[in-house]
Amino acid sequence: MGVCVIPYDGVDEAVRLANDSVYGLSGSVWTKDSEKGLAVARGIRTGGLTINNATADLLSPFGGFKQSGIGREFGPEAINHYIEHKAIAV
């Protein structure tokens, strides 16, 4: 198994590097500082993200951003693909 490591200078650059991709299916943040990890996770554009190998809820809506998937699976968000809203004024 291989690992890809990209050096960075500071959290802002790490988030920029993580977002510098046409894909955004999922990601992971590893840290000893859970508050900082949550802030970093909020800045990364992925459909799902874990912090310190947390278990993702497989029943929650899931899907990617950018060129990683279309829409969401599971949850009420998945039903929106089948709904067309119409406004009628009388």
N, C-alpha and C. Protein backbone atom coordinates (compact mmCIF):
# COMPACT_ATOMS: atom_id res chain seq x y z
N MET A 1 0.85 -1.17 0.00
CA MET A 1 0.00 0.00 0.00
C MET A 1 0.89 1.23 0.00
N GLY A 2 0.54 2.22 -0.80
CA GLY A 2 1.31 3.45 -0.88
C GLY A 2 0.58 4.61 -0.23
N VAL A 3 1.31 5.63 0.10
CA VAL A 3 0.75 6.82 0.70
C VAL A 3 1.31 8.02 -0.04
N CYS A 4 0.45 8.97 -0.34
CA CYS A 4 0.86 10.21 -0.98
C CYS A 4 0.88 11.31 0.08
N VAL A 5 2.01 11.99 0.21
CA VAL A 5 2.14 13.06 1.19
C VAL A 5 2.54 14.33 0.46
N ILE A 6 1.83 15.40 0.71
CA ILE A 6 2.13 16.70 0.12
C ILE A 6 2.43 17.67 1.26
N PRO A 7 3.62 18.23 1.29
CA PRO A 7 3.94 19.18 2.36
C PRO A 7 3.14 20.49 2.19
N TYR A 8 2.86 21.15 3.30
CA TYR A 8 2.11 22.41 3.26
C TYR A 8 2.59 23.31 4.39
N ASP A 9 2.34 24.60 4.23
CA ASP A 9 2.70 25.60 5.24
C ASP A 9 1.41 26.19 5.80
N GLY A 10 0.91 25.65 6.87
CA GLY A 10 -0.27 26.20 7.54
C GLY A 10 -1.57 25.55 7.10
N VAL A 11 -2.57 25.74 7.92
CA VAL A 11 -3.88 25.13 7.71
C VAL A 11 -4.54 25.67 6.45
N ASP A 12 -4.46 26.96 6.21
CA ASP A 12 -5.10 27.55 5.02
C ASP A 12 -4.56 26.93 3.74
N GLU A 13 -3.26 26.72 3.67
CA GLU A 13 -2.68 26.10 2.48
C GLU A 13 -3.11 24.63 2.37
N ALA A 14 -3.20 23.94 3.49
CA ALA A 14 -3.64 22.53 3.46
C ALA A 14 -5.06 22.43 2.89
N VAL A 15 -5.96 23.32 3.32
CA VAL A 15 -7.33 23.32 2.81
C VAL A 15 -7.34 23.67 1.33
N ARG A 16 -6.54 24.66 0.94
CA ARG A 16 -6.46 25.03 -0.48
C ARG A 16 -5.98 23.86 -1.32
N LEU A 17 -4.96 23.15 -0.86
CA LEU A 17 -4.45 21.99 -1.59
C LEU A 17 -5.51 20.88 -1.67
N ALA A 18 -6.22 20.67 -0.58
CA ALA A 18 -7.26 19.64 -0.58
C ALA A 18 -8.38 19.97 -1.57
N ASN A 19 -8.69 21.24 -1.72
CA ASN A 19 -9.76 21.67 -2.62
C ASN A 19 -9.30 21.84 -4.06
N ASP A 20 -8.01 21.75 -4.31
CA ASP A 20 -7.44 21.94 -5.65
C ASP A 20 -7.57 20.65 -6.46
N SER A 21 -8.80 20.25 -6.71
CA SER A 21 -9.07 19.02 -7.44
C SER A 21 -10.44 19.14 -8.09
N VAL A 22 -10.63 18.45 -9.20
CA VAL A 22 -11.95 18.45 -9.84
C VAL A 22 -12.87 17.45 -9.14
N TYR A 23 -12.35 16.70 -8.20
CA TYR A 23 -13.13 15.69 -7.49
C TYR A 23 -13.39 16.12 -6.05
N GLY A 24 -14.39 15.51 -5.44
CA GLY A 24 -14.71 15.84 -4.05
C GLY A 24 -15.66 14.81 -3.45
N LEU A 25 -15.32 13.53 -3.56
CA LEU A 25 -16.21 12.51 -3.02
C LEU A 25 -16.13 12.44 -1.51
N SER A 26 -14.93 12.24 -0.97
CA SER A 26 -14.79 12.15 0.48
C SER A 26 -13.36 12.50 0.87
N GLY A 27 -13.17 12.68 2.15
CA GLY A 27 -11.85 13.02 2.66
C GLY A 27 -11.75 12.67 4.13
N SER A 28 -10.59 12.94 4.68
CA SER A 28 -10.34 12.65 6.08
C SER A 28 -9.35 13.66 6.65
N VAL A 29 -9.60 14.07 7.87
CA VAL A 29 -8.70 14.98 8.58
C VAL A 29 -8.20 14.24 9.82
N TRP A 30 -6.90 14.31 10.04
CA TRP A 30 -6.29 13.67 11.20
C TRP A 30 -5.64 14.75 12.05
N THR A 31 -6.02 14.82 13.34
CA THR A 31 -5.51 15.88 14.20
C THR A 31 -5.67 15.50 15.68
N LYS A 32 -4.89 16.15 16.52
CA LYS A 32 -5.06 16.02 17.97
C LYS A 32 -6.01 17.08 18.50
N ASP A 33 -6.24 18.15 17.71
CA ASP A 33 -7.09 19.27 18.10
C ASP A 33 -8.43 19.14 17.39
N SER A 34 -9.45 18.62 18.07
CA SER A 34 -10.73 18.34 17.42
C SER A 34 -11.43 19.60 16.92
N GLU A 35 -11.31 20.71 17.62
CA GLU A 35 -11.94 21.95 17.15
C GLU A 35 -11.30 22.44 15.86
N LYS A 36 -9.98 22.40 15.79
CA LYS A 36 -9.29 22.80 14.56
C LYS A 36 -9.62 21.81 13.44
N GLY A 37 -9.72 20.53 13.76
CA GLY A 37 -10.07 19.52 12.76
C GLY A 37 -11.45 19.77 12.17
N LEU A 38 -12.38 20.17 13.01
CA LEU A 38 -13.73 20.48 12.54
C LEU A 38 -13.73 21.71 11.64
N ALA A 39 -12.93 22.70 12.00
CA ALA A 39 -12.82 23.91 11.16
C ALA A 39 -12.23 23.56 9.80
N VAL A 40 -11.21 22.72 9.79
CA VAL A 40 -10.60 22.29 8.52
C VAL A 40 -11.62 21.50 7.71
N ALA A 41 -12.33 20.58 8.35
CA ALA A 41 -13.32 19.75 7.66
C ALA A 41 -14.39 20.61 7.00
N ARG A 42 -14.80 21.67 7.66
CA ARG A 42 -15.82 22.57 7.09
C ARG A 42 -15.31 23.28 5.85
N GLY A 43 -14.01 23.48 5.77
CA GLY A 43 -13.44 24.20 4.63
C GLY A 43 -13.15 23.33 3.41
N ILE A 44 -13.15 22.03 3.57
CA ILE A 44 -12.83 21.12 2.47
C ILE A 44 -14.11 20.75 1.73
N ARG A 45 -14.12 20.94 0.41
CA ARG A 45 -15.31 20.68 -0.42
C ARG A 45 -15.38 19.22 -0.83
N THR A 46 -15.92 18.40 0.05
CA THR A 46 -16.19 17.00 -0.26
C THR A 46 -17.59 16.65 0.21
N GLY A 47 -18.17 15.63 -0.39
CA GLY A 47 -19.51 15.21 0.00
C GLY A 47 -19.54 14.57 1.38
N GLY A 48 -18.46 13.95 1.78
CA GLY A 48 -18.34 13.34 3.09
C GLY A 48 -16.94 13.52 3.63
N LEU A 49 -16.81 13.59 4.93
CA LEU A 49 -15.50 13.77 5.52
C LEU A 49 -15.49 13.20 6.92
N THR A 50 -14.46 12.48 7.27
CA THR A 50 -14.32 11.96 8.62
C THR A 50 -13.16 12.65 9.32
N ILE A 51 -13.24 12.70 10.62
CA ILE A 51 -12.15 13.24 11.43
C ILE A 51 -11.62 12.10 12.29
N ASN A 52 -10.32 11.87 12.19
CA ASN A 52 -9.64 10.82 12.96
C ASN A 52 -10.31 9.45 12.79
N ASN A 53 -10.62 9.11 11.55
CA ASN A 53 -11.15 7.79 11.21
C ASN A 53 -12.50 7.50 11.86
N ALA A 54 -13.31 8.53 12.07
CA ALA A 54 -14.66 8.34 12.60
C ALA A 54 -15.47 7.51 11.61
N THR A 55 -16.48 6.81 12.11
CA THR A 55 -17.34 6.00 11.26
C THR A 55 -18.43 6.88 10.67
N ALA A 56 -18.55 6.85 9.35
CA ALA A 56 -19.60 7.62 8.68
C ALA A 56 -20.95 6.94 8.88
N ASP A 57 -22.00 7.73 9.00
CA ASP A 57 -23.37 7.20 9.12
C ASP A 57 -23.84 6.82 7.73
N LEU A 58 -23.95 5.53 7.47
CA LEU A 58 -24.30 5.07 6.13
C LEU A 58 -25.77 5.29 5.78
N LEU A 59 -26.59 5.74 6.72
CA LEU A 59 -27.98 6.05 6.43
C LEU A 59 -28.21 7.53 6.16
N SER A 60 -27.17 8.34 6.34
CA SER A 60 -27.32 9.77 6.07
C SER A 60 -27.11 10.02 4.58
N PRO A 61 -27.59 11.15 4.07
CA PRO A 61 -27.42 11.47 2.65
C PRO A 61 -25.95 11.43 2.26
N PHE A 62 -25.65 10.84 1.12
CA PHE A 62 -24.27 10.68 0.68
C PHE A 62 -24.14 11.01 -0.78
N GLY A 63 -23.10 11.71 -1.13
CA GLY A 63 -22.79 12.02 -2.52
C GLY A 63 -21.59 12.93 -2.57
N GLY A 64 -21.08 13.15 -3.75
CA GLY A 64 -19.87 13.94 -3.90
C GLY A 64 -20.12 15.36 -4.35
N PHE A 65 -19.07 16.14 -4.36
CA PHE A 65 -19.09 17.49 -4.91
C PHE A 65 -18.29 17.48 -6.20
N LYS A 66 -18.42 18.53 -6.94
CA LYS A 66 -17.69 18.74 -8.19
C LYS A 66 -17.95 17.57 -9.14
N GLN A 67 -16.90 16.91 -9.66
CA GLN A 67 -17.08 15.83 -10.62
C GLN A 67 -17.13 14.46 -9.95
N SER A 68 -17.52 14.41 -8.70
CA SER A 68 -17.65 13.15 -7.97
C SER A 68 -19.11 12.88 -7.66
N GLY A 69 -19.80 12.36 -8.63
CA GLY A 69 -21.18 11.97 -8.41
C GLY A 69 -22.17 13.08 -8.67
N ILE A 70 -23.42 12.66 -8.77
CA ILE A 70 -24.52 13.59 -9.01
C ILE A 70 -25.56 13.34 -7.94
N GLY A 71 -25.98 14.36 -7.25
CA GLY A 71 -27.05 14.23 -6.28
C GLY A 71 -26.65 13.55 -5.00
N ARG A 72 -27.65 13.05 -4.29
CA ARG A 72 -27.45 12.41 -2.99
C ARG A 72 -28.21 11.10 -2.95
N GLU A 73 -27.68 10.17 -2.23
CA GLU A 73 -28.34 8.89 -1.97
C GLU A 73 -28.76 8.87 -0.51
N PHE A 74 -29.87 8.24 -0.21
CA PHE A 74 -30.40 8.07 1.14
C PHE A 74 -30.94 9.39 1.69
N GLY A 75 -31.77 9.30 2.70
CA GLY A 75 -32.30 10.46 3.38
C GLY A 75 -33.28 11.26 2.55
N PRO A 76 -33.88 12.28 3.14
CA PRO A 76 -34.87 13.09 2.42
C PRO A 76 -34.29 13.82 1.22
N GLU A 77 -33.01 14.11 1.24
CA GLU A 77 -32.39 14.82 0.11
C GLU A 77 -32.45 13.99 -1.17
N ALA A 78 -32.45 12.68 -1.06
CA ALA A 78 -32.51 11.81 -2.24
C ALA A 78 -33.85 11.91 -2.95
N ILE A 79 -34.91 12.20 -2.21
CA ILE A 79 -36.25 12.28 -2.80
C ILE A 79 -36.38 13.52 -3.68
N ASN A 80 -35.60 14.54 -3.42
CA ASN A 80 -35.70 15.78 -4.20
C ASN A 80 -35.47 15.56 -5.69
N HIS A 81 -34.80 14.48 -6.09
CA HIS A 81 -34.58 14.20 -7.51
C HIS A 81 -35.89 13.85 -8.22
N TYR A 82 -36.88 13.43 -7.45
CA TYR A 82 -38.14 12.98 -8.03
C TYR A 82 -39.27 14.00 -7.85
N ILE A 83 -38.96 15.16 -7.30
CA ILE A 83 -39.97 16.17 -7.03
C ILE A 83 -39.80 17.34 -7.99
N GLU A 84 -40.92 17.76 -8.55
CA GLU A 84 -40.94 18.98 -9.35
C GLU A 84 -41.94 19.93 -8.70
N HIS A 85 -41.48 21.09 -8.32
CA HIS A 85 -42.35 22.05 -7.64
C HIS A 85 -43.06 22.91 -8.70
N LYS A 86 -44.30 23.22 -8.41
CA LYS A 86 -45.07 24.07 -9.33
C LYS A 86 -45.84 25.07 -8.48
N ALA A 87 -45.82 26.33 -8.89
CA ALA A 87 -46.59 27.38 -8.23
C ALA A 87 -47.75 27.74 -9.14
N ILE A 88 -48.97 27.72 -8.63
CA ILE A 88 -50.15 28.07 -9.40
C ILE A 88 -50.83 29.23 -8.70
N ALA A 89 -51.02 30.33 -9.44
CA ALA A 89 -51.72 31.49 -8.89
C ALA A 89 -53.08 31.57 -9.54
N VAL A 90 -54.12 31.79 -8.72
CA VAL A 90 -55.49 31.87 -9.23
C VAL A 90 -56.03 33.27 -8.98
